[in-house]
Each structure stands twice: as C-alpha cells, then as structure tokens.
Amino acid sequence: GCYNLAASLAQKTREYCRGVSLVLNHWENLPREIVTYG
C-alpha cells in the first residue's frame, strides 16, 4: 500500500531514480492529466 524509498529494499535497487524522481524533476510543469497523480 505504501513504500519508504529511504528503506533498505528501495535503496538496494534505487529504481525510483529512473521513475518517480524523473517525474518530480518536472514538478512545476506537470501536464494537467498527471497533476492529480502528482
């Protein structure tokens, strides 16, 4: 249901760096279709 990206499991692979982190790099310019997700 919810995951801590600072925890050991996520830090072992750091896959979020090629996922949600890339989206958040564009936080101020998210298209309206993705604003709710953000």
PDB file of all heavy atoms in Angstrom:
ATOM      1  N   GLY A   1       0.780  -1.230   0.000  1.00  0.00           N
ATOM      2  CA  GLY A   1       0.000   0.000   0.000  1.00  0.00           C
ATOM      3  C   GLY A   1       0.809   1.275   0.000  1.00  0.00           C
ATOM      4  O   GLY A   1       0.403   2.288  -0.553  1.00  0.00           O
ATOM      5  N   CYS A   2       1.981   1.252   0.641  1.00  0.00           N
ATOM      6  CA  CYS A   2       2.840   2.435   0.696  1.00  0.00           C
ATOM      7  C   CYS A   2       4.273   1.976   0.958  1.00  0.00           C
ATOM      8  O   CYS A   2       4.490   1.004   1.702  1.00  0.00           O
ATOM      9  CB  CYS A   2       2.374   3.388   1.787  1.00  0.00           C
ATOM     10  SG  CYS A   2       3.169   5.016   1.730  1.00  0.00           S
ATOM     11  N   TYR A   3       5.252   2.670   0.361  1.00  0.00           N
ATOM     12  CA  TYR A   3       6.640   2.223   0.426  1.00  0.00           C
ATOM     13  C   TYR A   3       7.564   3.386   0.782  1.00  0.00           C
ATOM     14  O   TYR A   3       7.425   4.494   0.257  1.00  0.00           O
ATOM     15  CB  TYR A   3       7.062   1.620  -0.918  1.00  0.00           C
ATOM     16  CG  TYR A   3       6.166   0.498  -1.356  1.00  0.00           C
ATOM     17  CD1 TYR A   3       5.046   0.754  -2.143  1.00  0.00           C
ATOM     18  CD2 TYR A   3       6.400  -0.813  -0.953  1.00  0.00           C
ATOM     19  CE1 TYR A   3       4.193  -0.270  -2.526  1.00  0.00           C
ATOM     20  CE2 TYR A   3       5.563  -1.846  -1.336  1.00  0.00           C
ATOM     21  CZ  TYR A   3       4.458  -1.567  -2.120  1.00  0.00           C
ATOM     22  OH  TYR A   3       3.605  -2.578  -2.490  1.00  0.00           O
ATOM     23  N   ASN A   4       8.518   3.117   1.661  1.00  0.00           N
ATOM     24  CA  ASN A   4       9.512   4.104   2.058  1.00  0.00           C
ATOM     25  C   ASN A   4      10.723   3.970   1.143  1.00  0.00           C
ATOM     26  O   ASN A   4      11.443   2.962   1.190  1.00  0.00           O
ATOM     27  CB  ASN A   4       9.901   3.881   3.519  1.00  0.00           C
ATOM     28  CG  ASN A   4      10.794   4.994   4.047  1.00  0.00           C
ATOM     29  OD1 ASN A   4      11.388   5.748   3.285  1.00  0.00           O
ATOM     30  ND2 ASN A   4      10.891   5.091   5.363  1.00  0.00           N
ATOM     31  N   LEU A   5      10.956   4.983   0.341  1.00  0.00           N
ATOM     32  CA  LEU A   5      12.062   4.924  -0.623  1.00  0.00           C
ATOM     33  C   LEU A   5      13.427   5.088   0.041  1.00  0.00           C
ATOM     34  O   LEU A   5      14.453   4.860  -0.594  1.00  0.00           O
ATOM     35  CB  LEU A   5      11.872   5.981  -1.708  1.00  0.00           C
ATOM     36  CG  LEU A   5      10.592   5.851  -2.539  1.00  0.00           C
ATOM     37  CD1 LEU A   5      10.580   6.890  -3.650  1.00  0.00           C
ATOM     38  CD2 LEU A   5      10.441   4.450  -3.123  1.00  0.00           C
ATOM     39  N   ALA A   6      13.426   5.477   1.319  1.00  0.00           N
ATOM     40  CA  ALA A   6      14.681   5.562   2.060  1.00  0.00           C
ATOM     41  C   ALA A   6      15.013   4.245   2.759  1.00  0.00           C
ATOM     42  O   ALA A   6      16.095   4.104   3.332  1.00  0.00           O
ATOM     43  CB  ALA A   6      14.604   6.679   3.097  1.00  0.00           C
ATOM     44  N   ALA A   7      14.107   3.266   2.704  1.00  0.00           N
ATOM     45  CA  ALA A   7      14.314   1.976   3.369  1.00  0.00           C
ATOM     46  C   ALA A   7      15.280   1.107   2.574  1.00  0.00           C
ATOM     47  O   ALA A   7      15.569   1.364   1.398  1.00  0.00           O
ATOM     48  CB  ALA A   7      12.985   1.270   3.572  1.00  0.00           C
ATOM     49  N   SER A   8      15.752   0.045   3.210  1.00  0.00           N
ATOM     50  CA  SER A   8      16.815  -0.784   2.625  1.00  0.00           C
ATOM     51  C   SER A   8      16.405  -1.440   1.311  1.00  0.00           C
ATOM     52  O   SER A   8      17.217  -1.546   0.390  1.00  0.00           O
ATOM     53  CB  SER A   8      17.256  -1.851   3.626  1.00  0.00           C
ATOM     54  OG  SER A   8      16.163  -2.685   3.986  1.00  0.00           O
ATOM     55  N   LEU A   9      15.149  -1.894   1.204  1.00  0.00           N
ATOM     56  CA  LEU A   9      14.725  -2.571  -0.029  1.00  0.00           C
ATOM     57  C   LEU A   9      14.840  -1.629  -1.225  1.00  0.00           C
ATOM     58  O   LEU A   9      15.442  -1.975  -2.240  1.00  0.00           O
ATOM     59  CB  LEU A   9      13.288  -3.085   0.104  1.00  0.00           C
ATOM     60  CG  LEU A   9      13.019  -4.204   1.108  1.00  0.00           C
ATOM     61  CD1 LEU A   9      11.572  -4.681   0.994  1.00  0.00           C
ATOM     62  CD2 LEU A   9      13.970  -5.381   0.903  1.00  0.00           C
ATOM     63  N   ALA A  10      14.267  -0.443  -1.104  1.00  0.00           N
ATOM     64  CA  ALA A  10      14.295   0.511  -2.208  1.00  0.00           C
ATOM     65  C   ALA A  10      15.708   1.016  -2.477  1.00  0.00           C
ATOM     66  O   ALA A  10      16.101   1.236  -3.636  1.00  0.00           O
ATOM     67  CB  ALA A  10      13.358   1.682  -1.917  1.00  0.00           C
ATOM     68  N   GLN A  11      16.502   1.197  -1.412  1.00  0.00           N
ATOM     69  CA  GLN A  11      17.862   1.708  -1.576  1.00  0.00           C
ATOM     70  C   GLN A  11      18.781   0.678  -2.226  1.00  0.00           C
ATOM     71  O   GLN A  11      19.784   1.040  -2.849  1.00  0.00           O
ATOM     72  CB  GLN A  11      18.423   2.147  -0.222  1.00  0.00           C
ATOM     73  CG  GLN A  11      17.825   3.442   0.300  1.00  0.00           C
ATOM     74  CD  GLN A  11      18.096   4.613  -0.628  1.00  0.00           C
ATOM     75  OE1 GLN A  11      19.229   4.844  -1.043  1.00  0.00           O
ATOM     76  NE2 GLN A  11      17.046   5.344  -0.976  1.00  0.00           N
ATOM     77  N   LYS A  12      18.429  -0.579  -2.096  1.00  0.00           N
ATOM     78  CA  LYS A  12      19.268  -1.625  -2.697  1.00  0.00           C
ATOM     79  C   LYS A  12      19.259  -1.538  -4.218  1.00  0.00           C
ATOM     80  O   LYS A  12      20.270  -1.800  -4.878  1.00  0.00           O
ATOM     81  CB  LYS A  12      18.792  -3.007  -2.240  1.00  0.00           C
ATOM     82  CG  LYS A  12      19.695  -4.136  -2.674  1.00  0.00           C
ATOM     83  CD  LYS A  12      19.299  -5.449  -2.037  1.00  0.00           C
ATOM     84  CE  LYS A  12      20.263  -6.568  -2.424  1.00  0.00           C
ATOM     85  NZ  LYS A  12      19.907  -7.850  -1.780  1.00  0.00           N
ATOM     86  N   THR A  13      18.116  -1.184  -4.789  1.00  0.00           N
ATOM     87  CA  THR A  13      17.998  -1.114  -6.250  1.00  0.00           C
ATOM     88  C   THR A  13      17.935   0.315  -6.781  1.00  0.00           C
ATOM     89  O   THR A  13      18.333   0.570  -7.915  1.00  0.00           O
ATOM     90  CB  THR A  13      16.723  -1.843  -6.705  1.00  0.00           C
ATOM     91  OG1 THR A  13      15.580  -1.200  -6.097  1.00  0.00           O
ATOM     92  CG2 THR A  13      16.750  -3.313  -6.293  1.00  0.00           C
ATOM     93  N   ARG A  14      17.386   1.245  -5.968  1.00  0.00           N
ATOM     94  CA  ARG A  14      17.228   2.655  -6.348  1.00  0.00           C
ATOM     95  C   ARG A  14      16.526   2.813  -7.705  1.00  0.00           C
ATOM     96  O   ARG A  14      16.825   3.717  -8.491  1.00  0.00           O
ATOM     97  CB  ARG A  14      18.582   3.372  -6.351  1.00  0.00           C
ATOM     98  CG  ARG A  14      19.225   3.442  -4.978  1.00  0.00           C
ATOM     99  CD  ARG A  14      20.582   4.135  -5.013  1.00  0.00           C
ATOM    100  NE  ARG A  14      20.480   5.518  -5.438  1.00  0.00           N
ATOM    101  CZ  ARG A  14      20.186   6.537  -4.637  1.00  0.00           C
ATOM    102  NH1 ARG A  14      19.951   6.315  -3.351  1.00  0.00           N
ATOM    103  NH2 ARG A  14      20.127   7.768  -5.104  1.00  0.00           N
ATOM    104  N   GLU A  15      15.569   1.946  -7.969  1.00  0.00           N
ATOM    105  CA  GLU A  15      14.848   2.004  -9.236  1.00  0.00           C
ATOM    106  C   GLU A  15      13.998   3.267  -9.354  1.00  0.00           C
ATOM    107  O   GLU A  15      13.669   3.693 -10.466  1.00  0.00           O
ATOM    108  CB  GLU A  15      13.978   0.755  -9.415  1.00  0.00           C
ATOM    109  CG  GLU A  15      14.774  -0.512  -9.656  1.00  0.00           C
ATOM    110  CD  GLU A  15      13.901  -1.706  -9.971  1.00  0.00           C
ATOM    111  OE1 GLU A  15      12.708  -1.527 -10.309  1.00  0.00           O
ATOM    112  OE2 GLU A  15      14.408  -2.841  -9.879  1.00  0.00           O
ATOM    113  N   TYR A  16      13.647   3.858  -8.229  1.00  0.00           N
ATOM    114  CA  TYR A  16      12.834   5.072  -8.264  1.00  0.00           C
ATOM    115  C   TYR A  16      13.570   6.222  -8.944  1.00  0.00           C
ATOM    116  O   TYR A  16      12.945   7.176  -9.416  1.00  0.00           O
ATOM    117  CB  TYR A  16      12.414   5.473  -6.850  1.00  0.00           C
ATOM    118  CG  TYR A  16      13.557   5.798  -5.918  1.00  0.00           C
ATOM    119  CD1 TYR A  16      14.125   7.070  -5.903  1.00  0.00           C
ATOM    120  CD2 TYR A  16      14.075   4.837  -5.054  1.00  0.00           C
ATOM    121  CE1 TYR A  16      15.177   7.374  -5.058  1.00  0.00           C
ATOM    122  CE2 TYR A  16      15.132   5.136  -4.201  1.00  0.00           C
ATOM    123  CZ  TYR A  16      15.677   6.402  -4.212  1.00  0.00           C
ATOM    124  OH  TYR A  16      16.726   6.702  -3.384  1.00  0.00           O
ATOM    125  N   CYS A  17      14.903   6.149  -8.995  1.00  0.00           N
ATOM    126  CA  CYS A  17      15.678   7.216  -9.643  1.00  0.00           C
ATOM    127  C   CYS A  17      15.357   7.316 -11.135  1.00  0.00           C
ATOM    128  O   CYS A  17      15.500   8.395 -11.732  1.00  0.00           O
ATOM    129  CB  CYS A  17      17.175   6.977  -9.448  1.00  0.00           C
ATOM    130  SG  CYS A  17      17.720   7.153  -7.741  1.00  0.00           S
ATOM    131  N   ARG A  18      14.942   6.192 -11.723  1.00  0.00           N
ATOM    132  CA  ARG A  18      14.565   6.185 -13.138  1.00  0.00           C
ATOM    133  C   ARG A  18      13.046   6.158 -13.300  1.00  0.00           C
ATOM    134  O   ARG A  18      12.539   5.787 -14.352  1.00  0.00           O
ATOM    135  CB  ARG A  18      15.189   4.978 -13.845  1.00  0.00           C
ATOM    136  CG  ARG A  18      16.705   4.976 -13.861  1.00  0.00           C
ATOM    137  CD  ARG A  18      17.262   6.118 -14.678  1.00  0.00           C
ATOM    138  NE  ARG A  18      16.794   6.082 -16.058  1.00  0.00           N
ATOM    139  CZ  ARG A  18      16.893   7.100 -16.919  1.00  0.00           C
ATOM    140  NH1 ARG A  18      17.427   8.235 -16.516  1.00  0.00           N
ATOM    141  NH2 ARG A  18      16.451   6.987 -18.142  1.00  0.00           N
ATOM    142  N   GLY A  19      12.342   6.546 -12.240  1.00  0.00           N
ATOM    143  CA  GLY A  19      10.887   6.548 -12.278  1.00  0.00           C
ATOM    144  C   GLY A  19      10.320   7.824 -11.715  1.00  0.00           C
ATOM    145  O   GLY A  19      10.371   8.877 -12.357  1.00  0.00           O
ATOM    146  N   VAL A  20       9.826   7.742 -10.483  1.00  0.00           N
ATOM    147  CA  VAL A  20       9.140   8.890  -9.888  1.00  0.00           C
ATOM    148  C   VAL A  20      10.043  10.102  -9.745  1.00  0.00           C
ATOM    149  O   VAL A  20       9.592  11.251  -9.883  1.00  0.00           O
ATOM    150  CB  VAL A  20       8.515   8.488  -8.529  1.00  0.00           C
ATOM    151  CG1 VAL A  20       9.573   8.163  -7.492  1.00  0.00           C
ATOM    152  CG2 VAL A  20       7.593   9.588  -8.021  1.00  0.00           C
ATOM    153  N   SER A  21      11.329   9.906  -9.522  1.00  0.00           N
ATOM    154  CA  SER A  21      12.241  11.049  -9.389  1.00  0.00           C
ATOM    155  C   SER A  21      12.303  11.862 -10.678  1.00  0.00           C
ATOM    156  O   SER A  21      12.399  13.097 -10.645  1.00  0.00           O
ATOM    157  CB  SER A  21      13.641  10.575  -9.004  1.00  0.00           C
ATOM    158  OG  SER A  21      13.653  10.065  -7.695  1.00  0.00           O
ATOM    159  N   LEU A  22      12.231  11.192 -11.825  1.00  0.00           N
ATOM    160  CA  LEU A  22      12.255  11.910 -13.096  1.00  0.00           C
ATOM    161  C   LEU A  22      10.996  12.744 -13.274  1.00  0.00           C
ATOM    162  O   LEU A  22      11.046  13.863 -13.808  1.00  0.00           O
ATOM    163  CB  LEU A  22      12.403  10.918 -14.255  1.00  0.00           C
ATOM    164  CG  LEU A  22      13.709  10.125 -14.306  1.00  0.00           C
ATOM    165  CD1 LEU A  22      13.707   9.173 -15.504  1.00  0.00           C
ATOM    166  CD2 LEU A  22      14.907  11.069 -14.398  1.00  0.00           C
ATOM    167  N   VAL A  23       9.860  12.205 -12.824  1.00  0.00           N
ATOM    168  CA  VAL A  23       8.613  12.967 -12.905  1.00  0.00           C
ATOM    169  C   VAL A  23       8.683  14.193 -11.998  1.00  0.00           C
ATOM    170  O   VAL A  23       8.299  15.303 -12.381  1.00  0.00           O
ATOM    171  CB  VAL A  23       7.413  12.082 -12.527  1.00  0.00           C
ATOM    172  CG1 VAL A  23       6.127  12.899 -12.455  1.00  0.00           C
ATOM    173  CG2 VAL A  23       7.247  10.959 -13.546  1.00  0.00           C
ATOM    174  N   LEU A  24       9.196  14.011 -10.781  1.00  0.00           N
ATOM    175  CA  LEU A  24       9.260  15.115  -9.827  1.00  0.00           C
ATOM    176  C   LEU A  24      10.240  16.200 -10.246  1.00  0.00           C
ATOM    177  O   LEU A  24      10.140  17.346  -9.802  1.00  0.00           O
ATOM    178  CB  LEU A  24       9.609  14.579  -8.443  1.00  0.00           C
ATOM    179  CG  LEU A  24       8.523  13.691  -7.801  1.00  0.00           C
ATOM    180  CD1 LEU A  24       9.008  13.117  -6.489  1.00  0.00           C
ATOM    181  CD2 LEU A  24       7.241  14.464  -7.601  1.00  0.00           C
ATOM    182  N   ASN A  25      11.184  15.850 -11.122  1.00  0.00           N
ATOM    183  CA  ASN A  25      12.072  16.871 -11.670  1.00  0.00           C
ATOM    184  C   ASN A  25      11.305  17.894 -12.508  1.00  0.00           C
ATOM    185  O   ASN A  25      11.797  18.996 -12.775  1.00  0.00           O
ATOM    186  CB  ASN A  25      13.155  16.225 -12.541  1.00  0.00           C
ATOM    187  CG  ASN A  25      14.236  15.571 -11.716  1.00  0.00           C
ATOM    188  OD1 ASN A  25      14.420  15.897 -10.550  1.00  0.00           O
ATOM    189  ND2 ASN A  25      14.945  14.622 -12.311  1.00  0.00           N
ATOM    190  N   HIS A  26      10.087  17.509 -12.926  1.00  0.00           N
ATOM    191  CA  HIS A  26       9.251  18.391 -13.752  1.00  0.00           C
ATOM    192  C   HIS A  26       8.020  18.840 -12.980  1.00  0.00           C
ATOM    193  O   HIS A  26       6.979  19.128 -13.575  1.00  0.00           O
ATOM    194  CB  HIS A  26       8.829  17.650 -15.029  1.00  0.00           C
ATOM    195  CG  HIS A  26       9.975  17.268 -15.912  1.00  0.00           C
ATOM    196  ND1 HIS A  26      10.425  18.068 -16.938  1.00  0.00           N
ATOM    197  CD2 HIS A  26      10.786  16.174 -15.901  1.00  0.00           C
ATOM    198  CE1 HIS A  26      11.459  17.485 -17.534  1.00  0.00           C
ATOM    199  NE2 HIS A  26      11.696  16.338 -16.928  1.00  0.00           N
ATOM    200  N   TRP A  27       8.159  18.902 -11.646  1.00  0.00           N
ATOM    201  CA  TRP A  27       7.015  19.167 -10.769  1.00  0.00           C
ATOM    202  C   TRP A  27       6.239  20.421 -11.173  1.00  0.00           C
ATOM    203  O   TRP A  27       5.015  20.439 -11.185  1.00  0.00           O
ATOM    204  CB  TRP A  27       7.495  19.300  -9.321  1.00  0.00           C
ATOM    205  CG  TRP A  27       6.379  19.536  -8.361  1.00  0.00           C
ATOM    206  CD1 TRP A  27       5.902  20.732  -7.928  1.00  0.00           C
ATOM    207  CD2 TRP A  27       5.571  18.537  -7.735  1.00  0.00           C
ATOM    208  NE1 TRP A  27       4.858  20.551  -7.062  1.00  0.00           N
ATOM    209  CE2 TRP A  27       4.641  19.209  -6.933  1.00  0.00           C
ATOM    210  CE3 TRP A  27       5.561  17.138  -7.770  1.00  0.00           C
ATOM    211  CZ2 TRP A  27       3.688  18.535  -6.164  1.00  0.00           C
ATOM    212  CZ3 TRP A  27       4.621  16.464  -7.010  1.00  0.00           C
ATOM    213  CH2 TRP A  27       3.701  17.161  -6.225  1.00  0.00           C
ATOM    214  N   GLU A  28       6.949  21.485 -11.508  1.00  0.00           N
ATOM    215  CA  GLU A  28       6.286  22.756 -11.807  1.00  0.00           C
ATOM    216  C   GLU A  28       5.611  22.753 -13.173  1.00  0.00           C
ATOM    217  O   GLU A  28       4.834  23.659 -13.483  1.00  0.00           O
ATOM    218  CB  GLU A  28       7.306  23.905 -11.751  1.00  0.00           C
ATOM    219  CG  GLU A  28       8.002  24.052 -10.405  1.00  0.00           C
ATOM    220  CD  GLU A  28       7.028  24.342  -9.264  1.00  0.00           C
ATOM    221  OE1 GLU A  28       5.942  24.898  -9.544  1.00  0.00           O
ATOM    222  OE2 GLU A  28       7.352  24.011  -8.106  1.00  0.00           O
ATOM    223  N   ASN A  29       5.892  21.761 -13.981  1.00  0.00           N
ATOM    224  CA  ASN A  29       5.344  21.739 -15.344  1.00  0.00           C
ATOM    225  C   ASN A  29       4.610  20.438 -15.657  1.00  0.00           C
ATOM    226  O   ASN A  29       4.556  20.023 -16.815  1.00  0.00           O
ATOM    227  CB  ASN A  29       6.475  21.946 -16.360  1.00  0.00           C
ATOM    228  CG  ASN A  29       7.164  23.287 -16.184  1.00  0.00           C
ATOM    229  OD1 ASN A  29       6.537  24.333 -16.293  1.00  0.00           O
ATOM    230  ND2 ASN A  29       8.452  23.248 -15.899  1.00  0.00           N
ATOM    231  N   LEU A  30       4.023  19.807 -14.661  1.00  0.00           N
ATOM    232  CA  LEU A  30       3.276  18.585 -14.919  1.00  0.00           C
ATOM    233  C   LEU A  30       2.069  18.886 -15.802  1.00  0.00           C
ATOM    234  O   LEU A  30       1.345  19.853 -15.555  1.00  0.00           O
ATOM    235  CB  LEU A  30       2.781  17.964 -13.602  1.00  0.00           C
ATOM    236  CG  LEU A  30       3.819  17.388 -12.646  1.00  0.00           C
ATOM    237  CD1 LEU A  30       3.108  16.794 -11.427  1.00  0.00           C
ATOM    238  CD2 LEU A  30       4.685  16.337 -13.319  1.00  0.00           C
ATOM    239  N   PRO A  31       1.826  18.084 -16.837  1.00  0.00           N
ATOM    240  CA  PRO A  31       0.611  18.300 -17.629  1.00  0.00           C
ATOM    241  C   PRO A  31      -0.628  18.037 -16.780  1.00  0.00           C
ATOM    242  O   PRO A  31      -0.581  17.273 -15.809  1.00  0.00           O
ATOM    243  CB  PRO A  31       0.748  17.274 -18.761  1.00  0.00           C
ATOM    244  CG  PRO A  31       1.692  16.249 -18.249  1.00  0.00           C
ATOM    245  CD  PRO A  31       2.626  16.941 -17.312  1.00  0.00           C
ATOM    246  N   ARG A  32      -1.729  18.648 -17.137  1.00  0.00           N
ATOM    247  CA  ARG A  32      -2.929  18.567 -16.305  1.00  0.00           C
ATOM    248  C   ARG A  32      -3.415  17.134 -16.113  1.00  0.00           C
ATOM    249  O   ARG A  32      -4.037  16.820 -15.101  1.00  0.00           O
ATOM    250  CB  ARG A  32      -4.045  19.422 -16.889  1.00  0.00           C
ATOM    251  CG  ARG A  32      -4.531  18.980 -18.273  1.00  0.00           C
ATOM    252  CD  ARG A  32      -5.598  19.915 -18.800  1.00  0.00           C
ATOM    253  NE  ARG A  32      -6.076  19.477 -20.110  1.00  0.00           N
ATOM    254  CZ  ARG A  32      -7.018  20.128 -20.795  1.00  0.00           C
ATOM    255  NH1 ARG A  32      -7.552  21.229 -20.295  1.00  0.00           N
ATOM    256  NH2 ARG A  32      -7.404  19.669 -21.970  1.00  0.00           N
ATOM    257  N   GLU A  33      -3.121  16.267 -17.083  1.00  0.00           N
ATOM    258  CA  GLU A  33      -3.552  14.873 -16.974  1.00  0.00           C
ATOM    259  C   GLU A  33      -2.801  14.121 -15.875  1.00  0.00           C
ATOM    260  O   GLU A  33      -3.220  13.043 -15.459  1.00  0.00           O
ATOM    261  CB  GLU A  33      -3.346  14.148 -18.317  1.00  0.00           C
ATOM    262  CG  GLU A  33      -4.212  14.646 -19.447  1.00  0.00           C
ATOM    263  CD  GLU A  33      -3.641  15.890 -20.125  1.00  0.00           C
ATOM    264  OE1 GLU A  33      -2.485  16.263 -19.817  1.00  0.00           O
ATOM    265  OE2 GLU A  33      -4.336  16.479 -20.971  1.00  0.00           O
ATOM    266  N   ILE A  34      -1.682  14.674 -15.404  1.00  0.00           N
ATOM    267  CA  ILE A  34      -0.860  13.992 -14.400  1.00  0.00           C
ATOM    268  C   ILE A  34      -0.847  14.759 -13.073  1.00  0.00           C
ATOM    269  O   ILE A  34      -0.293  14.279 -12.084  1.00  0.00           O
ATOM    270  CB  ILE A  34       0.570  13.795 -14.962  1.00  0.00           C
ATOM    271  CG1 ILE A  34       0.502  12.885 -16.190  1.00  0.00           C
ATOM    272  CG2 ILE A  34       1.528  13.166 -13.950  1.00  0.00           C
ATOM    273  CD1 ILE A  34       1.820  12.621 -16.848  1.00  0.00           C
ATOM    274  N   VAL A  35      -1.508  15.900 -13.031  1.00  0.00           N
ATOM    275  CA  VAL A  35      -1.496  16.724 -11.816  1.00  0.00           C
ATOM    276  C   VAL A  35      -2.077  15.975 -10.617  1.00  0.00           C
ATOM    277  O   VAL A  35      -1.538  16.049  -9.508  1.00  0.00           O
ATOM    278  CB  VAL A  35      -2.246  18.046 -12.061  1.00  0.00           C
ATOM    279  CG1 VAL A  35      -2.579  18.738 -10.746  1.00  0.00           C
ATOM    280  CG2 VAL A  35      -1.404  18.969 -12.933  1.00  0.00           C
ATOM    281  N   THR A  36      -3.178  15.245 -10.810  1.00  0.00           N
ATOM    282  CA  THR A  36      -3.779  14.518  -9.680  1.00  0.00           C
ATOM    283  C   THR A  36      -2.801  13.495  -9.117  1.00  0.00           C
ATOM    284  O   THR A  36      -2.648  13.375  -7.894  1.00  0.00           O
ATOM    285  CB  THR A  36      -5.077  13.818 -10.112  1.00  0.00           C
ATOM    286  OG1 THR A  36      -6.026  14.802 -10.542  1.00  0.00           O
ATOM    287  CG2 THR A  36      -5.681  13.026  -8.953  1.00  0.00           C
ATOM    288  N   TYR A  37      -2.133  12.751  -9.982  1.00  0.00           N
ATOM    289  CA  TYR A  37      -1.118  11.785  -9.538  1.00  0.00           C
ATOM    290  C   TYR A  37      -0.031  12.500  -8.733  1.00  0.00           C
ATOM    291  O   TYR A  37       0.362  12.054  -7.643  1.00  0.00           O
ATOM    292  CB  TYR A  37      -0.520  11.086 -10.761  1.00  0.00           C
ATOM    293  CG  TYR A  37       0.740  10.300 -10.501  1.00  0.00           C
ATOM    294  CD1 TYR A  37       0.698   9.039  -9.901  1.00  0.00           C
ATOM    295  CD2 TYR A  37       1.992  10.819 -10.867  1.00  0.00           C
ATOM    296  CE1 TYR A  37       1.860   8.318  -9.673  1.00  0.00           C
ATOM    297  CE2 TYR A  37       3.153  10.105 -10.643  1.00  0.00           C
ATOM    298  CZ  TYR A  37       3.090   8.851 -10.045  1.00  0.00           C
ATOM    299  OH  TYR A  37       4.245   8.146  -9.814  1.00  0.00           O
ATOM    300  N   GLY A  38       0.441  13.639  -9.239  1.00  0.00           N
ATOM    301  CA  GLY A  38       1.469  14.400  -8.530  1.00  0.00           C
ATOM    302  C   GLY A  38       0.986  14.911  -7.186  1.00  0.00           C
ATOM    303  O   GLY A  38       1.723  14.873  -6.195  1.00  0.00           O
TER     304      GLY A  38
END
